[in-house]
Amino acid sequence: DKPYKCPDCGKGFGHSSALVTNRRIHTGEKPYQCADCGKSFNVVSNLVRHRRSRTGEKPYKCPDCGRRCSQRSHLVTHRRLHTGERPYPCQECGKSFNVSSDLIKH
């Protein structure tokens, strides 16, 4: 169940913290600021991603080939090259893709 409802858009959330984050979209509040450039973000994970892009930090390492990524989601996508996983099938022709953007382009 999603007991936390946004009074602005009506979207429901299972956790109050998700509602707080959603409310920031409506209010424009961006409480997380980069100490280097001053850019602000509404969620801390976006600040972390921004900081990594500035510093070049890549904490996620592929156990198969050693490639490093700045975001866990990028590593998940990269690992599909090794596993052959293609979780995005075309409903019309059946061809599958390892990233959703390739399915959309198709």
PDB file of N, CA and C in Angstrom:
ATOM      1  N   ASP A   1       0.845  -1.194   0.000  1.00  0.00           N
ATOM      2  CA  ASP A   1       0.000   0.000   0.000  1.00  0.00           C
ATOM      3  C   ASP A   1       0.884   1.249   0.000  1.00  0.00           C
ATOM      4  N   LYS A   2       0.346   2.342  -0.486  1.00  0.00           N
ATOM      5  CA  LYS A   2       1.091   3.596  -0.563  1.00  0.00           C
ATOM      6  C   LYS A   2       0.336   4.671   0.221  1.00  0.00           C
ATOM      7  N   PRO A   3       0.555   4.717   1.532  1.00  0.00           N
ATOM      8  CA  PRO A   3      -0.241   5.604   2.384  1.00  0.00           C
ATOM      9  C   PRO A   3       0.147   7.077   2.350  1.00  0.00           C
ATOM     10  N   TYR A   4       1.306   7.403   1.793  1.00  0.00           N
ATOM     11  CA  TYR A   4       1.760   8.793   1.786  1.00  0.00           C
ATOM     12  C   TYR A   4       1.437   9.424   0.438  1.00  0.00           C
ATOM     13  N   LYS A   5       0.447  10.307   0.429  1.00  0.00           N
ATOM     14  CA  LYS A   5      -0.034  10.925  -0.811  1.00  0.00           C
ATOM     15  C   LYS A   5       0.444  12.368  -0.917  1.00  0.00           C
ATOM     16  N   CYS A   6       0.876  12.739  -2.107  1.00  0.00           N
ATOM     17  CA  CYS A   6       1.290  14.117  -2.367  1.00  0.00           C
ATOM     18  C   CYS A   6       0.051  14.975  -2.584  1.00  0.00           C
ATOM     19  N   PRO A   7      -0.078  16.069  -1.831  1.00  0.00           N
ATOM     20  CA  PRO A   7      -1.243  16.940  -2.012  1.00  0.00           C
ATOM     21  C   PRO A   7      -1.221  17.720  -3.326  1.00  0.00           C
ATOM     22  N   ASP A   8      -0.048  17.811  -3.961  1.00  0.00           N
ATOM     23  CA  ASP A   8       0.063  18.565  -5.213  1.00  0.00           C
ATOM     24  C   ASP A   8      -0.285  17.730  -6.441  1.00  0.00           C
ATOM     25  N   CYS A   9       0.275  16.511  -6.513  1.00  0.00           N
ATOM     26  CA  CYS A   9       0.074  15.709  -7.725  1.00  0.00           C
ATOM     27  C   CYS A   9      -0.736  14.437  -7.480  1.00  0.00           C
ATOM     28  N   GLY A  10      -0.973  14.102  -6.211  1.00  0.00           N
ATOM     29  CA  GLY A  10      -1.772  12.930  -5.885  1.00  0.00           C
ATOM     30  C   GLY A  10      -1.029  11.612  -5.931  1.00  0.00           C
ATOM     31  N   LYS A  11       0.241  11.641  -6.270  1.00  0.00           N
ATOM     32  CA  LYS A  11       1.031  10.406  -6.339  1.00  0.00           C
ATOM     33  C   LYS A  11       1.201   9.828  -4.938  1.00  0.00           C
ATOM     34  N   GLY A  12       1.126   8.491  -4.838  1.00  0.00           N
ATOM     35  CA  GLY A  12       1.259   7.819  -3.553  1.00  0.00           C
ATOM     36  C   GLY A  12       2.630   7.195  -3.373  1.00  0.00           C
ATOM     37  N   PHE A  13       3.074   7.109  -2.122  1.00  0.00           N
ATOM     38  CA  PHE A  13       4.389   6.564  -1.800  1.00  0.00           C
ATOM     39  C   PHE A  13       4.298   5.632  -0.608  1.00  0.00           C
ATOM     40  N   GLY A  14       5.156   4.630  -0.590  1.00  0.00           N
ATOM     41  CA  GLY A  14       5.190   3.671   0.501  1.00  0.00           C
ATOM     42  C   GLY A  14       5.985   4.151   1.699  1.00  0.00           C
ATOM     43  N   HIS A  15       6.847   5.145   1.474  1.00  0.00           N
ATOM     44  CA  HIS A  15       7.683   5.669   2.556  1.00  0.00           C
ATOM     45  C   HIS A  15       7.556   7.187   2.598  1.00  0.00           C
ATOM     46  N   SER A  16       7.550   7.738   3.798  1.00  0.00           N
ATOM     47  CA  SER A  16       7.417   9.188   3.939  1.00  0.00           C
ATOM     48  C   SER A  16       8.599   9.919   3.313  1.00  0.00           C
ATOM     49  N   SER A  17       9.788   9.302   3.328  1.00  0.00           N
ATOM     50  CA  SER A  17      10.965   9.948   2.742  1.00  0.00           C
ATOM     51  C   SER A  17      10.797  10.158   1.238  1.00  0.00           C
ATOM     52  N   ALA A  18      10.122   9.241   0.574  1.00  0.00           N
ATOM     53  CA  ALA A  18       9.870   9.390  -0.860  1.00  0.00           C
ATOM     54  C   ALA A  18       8.907  10.542  -1.116  1.00  0.00           C
ATOM     55  N   LEU A  19       7.949  10.723  -0.228  1.00  0.00           N
ATOM     56  CA  LEU A  19       7.034  11.865  -0.348  1.00  0.00           C
ATOM     57  C   LEU A  19       7.797  13.172  -0.171  1.00  0.00           C
ATOM     58  N   VAL A  20       8.710  13.208   0.792  1.00  0.00           N
ATOM     59  CA  VAL A  20       9.518  14.412   1.014  1.00  0.00           C
ATOM     60  C   VAL A  20      10.295  14.767  -0.257  1.00  0.00           C
ATOM     61  N   THR A  21      10.901  13.767  -0.876  1.00  0.00           N
ATOM     62  CA  THR A  21      11.647  13.990  -2.118  1.00  0.00           C
ATOM     63  C   THR A  21      10.723  14.488  -3.225  1.00  0.00           C
ATOM     64  N   ASN A  22       9.553  13.893  -3.358  1.00  0.00           N
ATOM     65  CA  ASN A  22       8.580  14.315  -4.366  1.00  0.00           C
ATOM     66  C   ASN A  22       8.132  15.757  -4.133  1.00  0.00           C
ATOM     67  N   ARG A  23       7.934  16.126  -2.897  1.00  0.00           N
ATOM     68  CA  ARG A  23       7.496  17.493  -2.582  1.00  0.00           C
ATOM     69  C   ARG A  23       8.532  18.514  -3.048  1.00  0.00           C
ATOM     70  N   ARG A  24       9.797  18.130  -3.001  1.00  0.00           N
ATOM     71  CA  ARG A  24      10.859  19.051  -3.441  1.00  0.00           C
ATOM     72  C   ARG A  24      10.737  19.383  -4.922  1.00  0.00           C
ATOM     73  N   ILE A  25      10.195  18.472  -5.703  1.00  0.00           N
ATOM     74  CA  ILE A  25       9.964  18.743  -7.122  1.00  0.00           C
ATOM     75  C   ILE A  25       8.982  19.901  -7.265  1.00  0.00           C
ATOM     76  N   HIS A  26       7.935  19.889  -6.437  1.00  0.00           N
ATOM     77  CA  HIS A  26       6.894  20.917  -6.520  1.00  0.00           C
ATOM     78  C   HIS A  26       7.346  22.254  -5.932  1.00  0.00           C
ATOM     79  N   THR A  27       8.141  22.199  -4.846  1.00  0.00           N
ATOM     80  CA  THR A  27       8.556  23.436  -4.178  1.00  0.00           C
ATOM     81  C   THR A  27       9.821  24.033  -4.777  1.00  0.00           C
ATOM     82  N   GLY A  28      10.578  23.200  -5.501  1.00  0.00           N
ATOM     83  CA  GLY A  28      11.849  23.668  -6.046  1.00  0.00           C
ATOM     84  C   GLY A  28      12.985  23.630  -5.041  1.00  0.00           C
ATOM     85  N   GLU A  29      12.732  23.082  -3.849  1.00  0.00           N
ATOM     86  CA  GLU A  29      13.765  23.010  -2.821  1.00  0.00           C
ATOM     87  C   GLU A  29      14.899  22.089  -3.272  1.00  0.00           C
ATOM     88  N   LYS A  30      16.130  22.575  -3.113  1.00  0.00           N
ATOM     89  CA  LYS A  30      17.322  21.791  -3.461  1.00  0.00           C
ATOM     90  C   LYS A  30      18.337  21.953  -2.328  1.00  0.00           C
ATOM     91  N   PRO A  31      18.185  21.154  -1.274  1.00  0.00           N
ATOM     92  CA  PRO A  31      18.997  21.360  -0.074  1.00  0.00           C
ATOM     93  C   PRO A  31      20.425  20.815  -0.135  1.00  0.00           C
ATOM     94  N   TYR A  32      20.773  20.082  -1.186  1.00  0.00           N
ATOM     95  CA  TYR A  32      22.104  19.473  -1.257  1.00  0.00           C
ATOM     96  C   TYR A  32      22.952  20.224  -2.272  1.00  0.00           C
ATOM     97  N   GLN A  33      23.996  20.907  -1.775  1.00  0.00           N
ATOM     98  CA  GLN A  33      24.785  21.795  -2.623  1.00  0.00           C
ATOM     99  C   GLN A  33      26.224  21.304  -2.760  1.00  0.00           C
ATOM    100  N   CYS A  34      26.737  21.385  -3.969  1.00  0.00           N
ATOM    101  CA  CYS A  34      28.134  21.049  -4.239  1.00  0.00           C
ATOM    102  C   CYS A  34      29.025  22.139  -3.650  1.00  0.00           C
ATOM    103  N   ALA A  35      29.964  21.738  -2.804  1.00  0.00           N
ATOM    104  CA  ALA A  35      30.858  22.695  -2.159  1.00  0.00           C
ATOM    105  C   ALA A  35      31.824  23.339  -3.153  1.00  0.00           C
ATOM    106  N   ASP A  36      32.060  22.684  -4.281  1.00  0.00           N
ATOM    107  CA  ASP A  36      33.015  23.205  -5.256  1.00  0.00           C
ATOM    108  C   ASP A  36      32.405  24.220  -6.212  1.00  0.00           C
ATOM    109  N   CYS A  37      31.236  23.894  -6.777  1.00  0.00           N
ATOM    110  CA  CYS A  37      30.671  24.761  -7.815  1.00  0.00           C
ATOM    111  C   CYS A  37      29.375  25.460  -7.400  1.00  0.00           C
ATOM    112  N   GLY A  38      28.768  25.032  -6.289  1.00  0.00           N
ATOM    113  CA  GLY A  38      27.552  25.677  -5.810  1.00  0.00           C
ATOM    114  C   GLY A  38      26.262  25.137  -6.392  1.00  0.00           C
ATOM    115  N   LYS A  39      26.343  24.208  -7.333  1.00  0.00           N
ATOM    116  CA  LYS A  39      25.129  23.636  -7.911  1.00  0.00           C
ATOM    117  C   LYS A  39      24.372  22.865  -6.837  1.00  0.00           C
ATOM    118  N   SER A  40      23.034  22.978  -6.857  1.00  0.00           N
ATOM    119  CA  SER A  40      22.203  22.346  -5.832  1.00  0.00           C
ATOM    120  C   SER A  40      21.331  21.248  -6.414  1.00  0.00           C
ATOM    121  N   PHE A  41      20.963  20.299  -5.543  1.00  0.00           N
ATOM    122  CA  PHE A  41      20.197  19.124  -5.947  1.00  0.00           C
ATOM    123  C   PHE A  41      19.096  18.834  -4.941  1.00  0.00           C
ATOM    124  N   ASN A  42      18.005  18.229  -5.430  1.00  0.00           N
ATOM    125  CA  ASN A  42      16.882  17.931  -4.544  1.00  0.00           C
ATOM    126  C   ASN A  42      17.030  16.606  -3.813  1.00  0.00           C
ATOM    127  N   VAL A  43      17.906  15.721  -4.295  1.00  0.00           N
ATOM    128  CA  VAL A  43      18.185  14.462  -3.594  1.00  0.00           C
ATOM    129  C   VAL A  43      19.699  14.281  -3.483  1.00  0.00           C
ATOM    130  N   VAL A  44      20.133  13.704  -2.375  1.00  0.00           N
ATOM    131  CA  VAL A  44      21.566  13.574  -2.109  1.00  0.00           C
ATOM    132  C   VAL A  44      22.255  12.677  -3.134  1.00  0.00           C
ATOM    133  N   SER A  45      21.553  11.677  -3.658  1.00  0.00           N
ATOM    134  CA  SER A  45      22.182  10.786  -4.641  1.00  0.00           C
ATOM    135  C   SER A  45      22.574  11.543  -5.910  1.00  0.00           C
ATOM    136  N   ASN A  46      21.819  12.572  -6.271  1.00  0.00           N
ATOM    137  CA  ASN A  46      22.186  13.378  -7.444  1.00  0.00           C
ATOM    138  C   ASN A  46      23.438  14.203  -7.167  1.00  0.00           C
ATOM    139  N   LEU A  47      23.588  14.673  -5.930  1.00  0.00           N
ATOM    140  CA  LEU A  47      24.814  15.378  -5.553  1.00  0.00           C
ATOM    141  C   LEU A  47      26.001  14.424  -5.614  1.00  0.00           C
ATOM    142  N   VAL A  48      25.840  13.205  -5.109  1.00  0.00           N
ATOM    143  CA  VAL A  48      26.920  12.212  -5.144  1.00  0.00           C
ATOM    144  C   VAL A  48      27.339  11.937  -6.588  1.00  0.00           C
ATOM    145  N   ARG A  49      26.363  11.753  -7.475  1.00  0.00           N
ATOM    146  CA  ARG A  49      26.660  11.507  -8.891  1.00  0.00           C
ATOM    147  C   ARG A  49      27.405  12.702  -9.500  1.00  0.00           C
ATOM    148  N   HIS A  50      26.955  13.910  -9.174  1.00  0.00           N
ATOM    149  CA  HIS A  50      27.596  15.129  -9.658  1.00  0.00           C
ATOM    150  C   HIS A  50      29.049  15.200  -9.179  1.00  0.00           C
ATOM    151  N   ARG A  51      29.271  14.914  -7.898  1.00  0.00           N
ATOM    152  CA  ARG A  51      30.627  14.968  -7.342  1.00  0.00           C
ATOM    153  C   ARG A  51      31.541  13.966  -8.057  1.00  0.00           C
ATOM    154  N   ARG A  52      31.014  12.784  -8.328  1.00  0.00           N
ATOM    155  CA  ARG A  52      31.828  11.773  -9.017  1.00  0.00           C
ATOM    156  C   ARG A  52      32.189  12.223 -10.426  1.00  0.00           C
ATOM    157  N   SER A  53      31.267  12.929 -11.085  1.00  0.00           N
ATOM    158  CA  SER A  53      31.567  13.408 -12.438  1.00  0.00           C
ATOM    159  C   SER A  53      32.656  14.477 -12.395  1.00  0.00           C
ATOM    160  N   ARG A  54      32.693  15.246 -11.321  1.00  0.00           N
ATOM    161  CA  ARG A  54      33.709  16.290 -11.182  1.00  0.00           C
ATOM    162  C   ARG A  54      35.074  15.709 -10.820  1.00  0.00           C
ATOM    163  N   THR A  55      35.080  14.685  -9.968  1.00  0.00           N
ATOM    164  CA  THR A  55      36.344  14.133  -9.469  1.00  0.00           C
ATOM    165  C   THR A  55      36.873  12.977 -10.313  1.00  0.00           C
ATOM    166  N   GLY A  56      35.996  12.377 -11.113  1.00  0.00           N
ATOM    167  CA  GLY A  56      36.398  11.213 -11.890  1.00  0.00           C
ATOM    168  C   GLY A  56      36.370   9.921 -11.094  1.00  0.00           C
ATOM    169  N   GLU A  57      35.816   9.966  -9.884  1.00  0.00           N
ATOM    170  CA  GLU A  57      35.747   8.765  -9.039  1.00  0.00           C
ATOM    171  C   GLU A  57      34.892   7.689  -9.707  1.00  0.00           C
ATOM    172  N   LYS A  58      35.402   6.473  -9.714  1.00  0.00           N
ATOM    173  CA  LYS A  58      34.684   5.332 -10.293  1.00  0.00           C
ATOM    174  C   LYS A  58      34.796   4.151  -9.325  1.00  0.00           C
ATOM    175  N   PRO A  59      33.905   4.111  -8.333  1.00  0.00           N
ATOM    176  CA  PRO A  59      34.041   3.103  -7.276  1.00  0.00           C
ATOM    177  C   PRO A  59      33.528   1.708  -7.618  1.00  0.00           C
ATOM    178  N   TYR A  60      32.852   1.548  -8.747  1.00  0.00           N
ATOM    179  CA  TYR A  60      32.256   0.254  -9.092  1.00  0.00           C
ATOM    180  C   TYR A  60      33.109  -0.446 -10.147  1.00  0.00           C
ATOM    181  N   LYS A  61      33.612  -1.637  -9.795  1.00  0.00           N
ATOM    182  CA  LYS A  61      34.545  -2.361 -10.664  1.00  0.00           C
ATOM    183  C   LYS A  61      33.923  -3.657 -11.166  1.00  0.00           C
ATOM    184  N   CYS A  62      34.045  -3.886 -12.465  1.00  0.00           N
ATOM    185  CA  CYS A  62      33.560  -5.121 -13.072  1.00  0.00           C
ATOM    186  C   CYS A  62      34.481  -6.271 -12.663  1.00  0.00           C
ATOM    187  N   PRO A  63      33.919  -7.326 -12.073  1.00  0.00           N
ATOM    188  CA  PRO A  63      34.759  -8.453 -11.666  1.00  0.00           C
ATOM    189  C   PRO A  63      35.269  -9.284 -12.851  1.00  0.00           C
ATOM    190  N   ASP A  64      34.667  -9.093 -14.012  1.00  0.00           N
ATOM    191  CA  ASP A  64      35.064  -9.867 -15.188  1.00  0.00           C
ATOM    192  C   ASP A  64      36.240  -9.253 -15.940  1.00  0.00           C
ATOM    193  N   CYS A  65      36.221  -7.929 -16.109  1.00  0.00           N
ATOM    194  CA  CYS A  65      37.259  -7.298 -16.934  1.00  0.00           C
ATOM    195  C   CYS A  65      37.991  -6.148 -16.242  1.00  0.00           C
ATOM    196  N   GLY A  66      37.509  -5.726 -15.076  1.00  0.00           N
ATOM    197  CA  GLY A  66      38.179  -4.656 -14.349  1.00  0.00           C
ATOM    198  C   GLY A  66      37.730  -3.255 -14.699  1.00  0.00           C
ATOM    199  N   ARG A  67      36.853  -3.114 -15.673  1.00  0.00           N
ATOM    200  CA  ARG A  67      36.359  -1.782 -16.028  1.00  0.00           C
ATOM    201  C   ARG A  67      35.719  -1.140 -14.800  1.00  0.00           C
ATOM    202  N   ARG A  68      35.926   0.164 -14.655  1.00  0.00           N
ATOM    203  CA  ARG A  68      35.379   0.881 -13.509  1.00  0.00           C
ATOM    204  C   ARG A  68      34.293   1.846 -13.975  1.00  0.00           C
ATOM    205  N   CYS A  69      33.268   2.020 -13.116  1.00  0.00           N
ATOM    206  CA  CYS A  69      32.126   2.882 -13.431  1.00  0.00           C
ATOM    207  C   CYS A  69      31.845   3.819 -12.265  1.00  0.00           C
ATOM    208  N   SER A  70      31.296   4.975 -12.583  1.00  0.00           N
ATOM    209  CA  SER A  70      30.970   5.951 -11.542  1.00  0.00           C
ATOM    210  C   SER A  70      29.619   5.672 -10.890  1.00  0.00           C
ATOM    211  N   GLN A  71      28.767   4.911 -11.580  1.00  0.00           N
ATOM    212  CA  GLN A  71      27.441   4.597 -11.045  1.00  0.00           C
ATOM    213  C   GLN A  71      27.208   3.093 -11.098  1.00  0.00           C
ATOM    214  N   ARG A  72      26.541   2.573 -10.065  1.00  0.00           N
ATOM    215  CA  ARG A  72      26.252   1.147 -10.010  1.00  0.00           C
ATOM    216  C   ARG A  72      25.403   0.709 -11.197  1.00  0.00           C
ATOM    217  N   SER A  73      24.453   1.565 -11.601  1.00  0.00           N
ATOM    218  CA  SER A  73      23.587   1.207 -12.728  1.00  0.00           C
ATOM    219  C   SER A  73      24.391   1.041 -14.016  1.00  0.00           C
ATOM    220  N   HIS A  74      25.460   1.810 -14.177  1.00  0.00           N
ATOM    221  CA  HIS A  74      26.310   1.668 -15.359  1.00  0.00           C
ATOM    222  C   HIS A  74      27.040   0.325 -15.332  1.00  0.00           C
ATOM    223  N   LEU A  75      27.461  -0.099 -14.129  1.00  0.00           N
ATOM    224  CA  LEU A  75      28.116  -1.401 -14.012  1.00  0.00           C
ATOM    225  C   LEU A  75      27.137  -2.530 -14.326  1.00  0.00           C
ATOM    226  N   VAL A  76      25.902  -2.406 -13.851  1.00  0.00           N
ATOM    227  CA  VAL A  76      24.883  -3.426 -14.132  1.00  0.00           C
ATOM    228  C   VAL A  76      24.700  -3.580 -15.638  1.00  0.00           C
ATOM    229  N   THR A  77      24.583  -2.458 -16.342  1.00  0.00           N
ATOM    230  CA  THR A  77      24.430  -2.487 -17.799  1.00  0.00           C
ATOM    231  C   THR A  77      25.676  -3.079 -18.461  1.00  0.00           C
ATOM    232  N   HIS A  78      26.850  -2.655 -18.016  1.00  0.00           N
ATOM    233  CA  HIS A  78      28.104  -3.160 -18.579  1.00  0.00           C
ATOM    234  C   HIS A  78      28.223  -4.672 -18.412  1.00  0.00           C
ATOM    235  N   ARG A  79      27.859  -5.190 -17.261  1.00  0.00           N
ATOM    236  CA  ARG A  79      27.998  -6.631 -16.987  1.00  0.00           C
ATOM    237  C   ARG A  79      27.163  -7.465 -17.945  1.00  0.00           C
ATOM    238  N   ARG A  80      26.115  -6.896 -18.503  1.00  0.00           N
ATOM    239  CA  ARG A  80      25.297  -7.625 -19.481  1.00  0.00           C
ATOM    240  C   ARG A  80      26.101  -7.994 -20.722  1.00  0.00           C
ATOM    241  N   LEU A  81      27.159  -7.247 -21.013  1.00  0.00           N
ATOM    242  CA  LEU A  81      28.032  -7.595 -22.138  1.00  0.00           C
ATOM    243  C   LEU A  81      28.707  -8.939 -21.880  1.00  0.00           C
ATOM    244  N   HIS A  82      29.029  -9.208 -20.623  1.00  0.00           N
ATOM    245  CA  HIS A  82      29.679 -10.467 -20.256  1.00  0.00           C
ATOM    246  C   HIS A  82      28.677 -11.609 -20.118  1.00  0.00           C
ATOM    247  N   THR A  83      27.506 -11.310 -19.568  1.00  0.00           N
ATOM    248  CA  THR A  83      26.528 -12.373 -19.288  1.00  0.00           C
ATOM    249  C   THR A  83      25.650 -12.697 -20.487  1.00  0.00           C
ATOM    250  N   GLY A  84      25.551 -11.737 -21.425  1.00  0.00           N
ATOM    251  CA  GLY A  84      24.664 -11.932 -22.571  1.00  0.00           C
ATOM    252  C   GLY A  84      23.209 -11.624 -22.264  1.00  0.00           C
ATOM    253  N   GLU A  85      22.945 -11.149 -21.051  1.00  0.00           N
ATOM    254  CA  GLU A  85      21.561 -10.824 -20.678  1.00  0.00           C
ATOM    255  C   GLU A  85      21.026  -9.702 -21.564  1.00  0.00           C
ATOM    256  N   ARG A  86      19.807  -9.890 -22.064  1.00  0.00           N
ATOM    257  CA  ARG A  86      19.137  -8.889 -22.896  1.00  0.00           C
ATOM    258  C   ARG A  86      17.693  -8.780 -22.409  1.00  0.00           C
ATOM    259  N   PRO A  87      17.473  -7.975 -21.365  1.00  0.00           N
ATOM    260  CA  PRO A  87      16.162  -7.957 -20.707  1.00  0.00           C
ATOM    261  C   PRO A  87      15.098  -7.081 -21.369  1.00  0.00           C
ATOM    262  N   TYR A  88      15.407  -6.482 -22.520  1.00  0.00           N
ATOM    263  CA  TYR A  88      14.445  -5.584 -23.162  1.00  0.00           C
ATOM    264  C   TYR A  88      14.049  -6.126 -24.537  1.00  0.00           C
ATOM    265  N   PRO A  89      13.008  -6.960 -24.603  1.00  0.00           N
ATOM    266  CA  PRO A  89      12.587  -7.538 -25.887  1.00  0.00           C
ATOM    267  C   PRO A  89      11.619  -6.624 -26.641  1.00  0.00           C
ATOM    268  N   CYS A  90      11.739  -6.634 -27.963  1.00  0.00           N
ATOM    269  CA  CYS A  90      10.784  -5.944 -28.826  1.00  0.00           C
ATOM    270  C   CYS A  90       9.518  -6.793 -28.892  1.00  0.00           C
ATOM    271  N   GLN A  91       8.381  -6.183 -28.630  1.00  0.00           N
ATOM    272  CA  GLN A  91       7.108  -6.902 -28.641  1.00  0.00           C
ATOM    273  C   GLN A  91       6.658  -7.251 -30.062  1.00  0.00           C
ATOM    274  N   GLU A  92       7.236  -6.564 -31.062  1.00  0.00           N
ATOM    275  CA  GLU A  92       6.824  -6.808 -32.445  1.00  0.00           C
ATOM    276  C   GLU A  92       7.634  -7.907 -33.127  1.00  0.00           C
ATOM    277  N   CYS A  93       8.965  -7.893 -32.945  1.00  0.00           N
ATOM    278  CA  CYS A  93       9.796  -8.858 -33.676  1.00  0.00           C
ATOM    279  C   CYS A  93      10.507  -9.867 -32.777  1.00  0.00           C
ATOM    280  N   GLY A  94      10.526  -9.614 -31.476  1.00  0.00           N
ATOM    281  CA  GLY A  94      11.158 -10.548 -30.554  1.00  0.00           C
ATOM    282  C   GLY A  94      12.630 -10.306 -30.294  1.00  0.00           C
ATOM    283  N   LYS A  95      13.265  -9.412 -31.047  1.00  0.00           N
ATOM    284  CA  LYS A  95      14.677  -9.118 -30.811  1.00  0.00           C
ATOM    285  C   LYS A  95      14.825  -8.487 -29.429  1.00  0.00           C
ATOM    286  N   SER A  96      15.888  -8.860 -28.717  1.00  0.00           N
ATOM    287  CA  SER A  96      16.108  -8.341 -27.367  1.00  0.00           C
ATOM    288  C   SER A  96      17.355  -7.472 -27.314  1.00  0.00           C
ATOM    289  N   PHE A  97      17.362  -6.569 -26.346  1.00  0.00           N
ATOM    290  CA  PHE A  97      18.448  -5.604 -26.201  1.00  0.00           C
ATOM    291  C   PHE A  97      18.929  -5.574 -24.760  1.00  0.00           C
ATOM    292  N   ASN A  98      20.209  -5.184 -24.584  1.00  0.00           N
ATOM    293  CA  ASN A  98      20.749  -5.145 -23.229  1.00  0.00           C
ATOM    294  C   ASN A  98      20.523  -3.810 -22.530  1.00  0.00           C
ATOM    295  N   VAL A  99      20.124  -2.781 -23.273  1.00  0.00           N
ATOM    296  CA  VAL A  99      19.756  -1.497 -22.669  1.00  0.00           C
ATOM    297  C   VAL A  99      18.438  -1.021 -23.271  1.00  0.00           C
ATOM    298  N   SER A 100      17.627  -0.386 -22.447  1.00  0.00           N
ATOM    299  CA  SER A 100      16.296   0.034 -22.899  1.00  0.00           C
ATOM    300  C   SER A 100      16.364   1.066 -24.019  1.00  0.00           C
ATOM    301  N   SER A 101      17.403   1.905 -24.020  1.00  0.00           N
ATOM    302  CA  SER A 101      17.510   2.929 -25.062  1.00  0.00           C
ATOM    303  C   SER A 101      17.702   2.303 -26.444  1.00  0.00           C
ATOM    304  N   ASP A 102      18.374   1.153 -26.506  1.00  0.00           N
ATOM    305  CA  ASP A 102      18.525   0.471 -27.797  1.00  0.00           C
ATOM    306  C   ASP A 102      17.189  -0.074 -28.290  1.00  0.00           C
ATOM    307  N   LEU A 103      16.357  -0.552 -27.375  1.00  0.00           N
ATOM    308  CA  LEU A 103      15.014  -1.004 -27.757  1.00  0.00           C
ATOM    309  C   LEU A 103      14.203   0.168 -28.294  1.00  0.00           C
ATOM    310  N   ILE A 104      14.284   1.310 -27.636  1.00  0.00           N
ATOM    311  CA  ILE A 104      13.536   2.498 -28.070  1.00  0.00           C
ATOM    312  C   ILE A 104      13.989   2.931 -29.468  1.00  0.00           C
ATOM    313  N   LYS A 105      15.311   2.927 -29.720  1.00  0.00           N
ATOM    314  CA  LYS A 105      15.845   3.290 -31.042  1.00  0.00           C
ATOM    315  C   LYS A 105      15.376   2.313 -32.115  1.00  0.00           C
ATOM    316  N   HIS A 106      15.296   1.049 -31.751  1.00  0.00           N
ATOM    317  CA  HIS A 106      14.884  -0.018 -32.664  1.00  0.00           C
ATOM    318  C   HIS A 106      13.441   0.224 -33.112  1.00  0.00           C
TER     319      HIS A 106
END
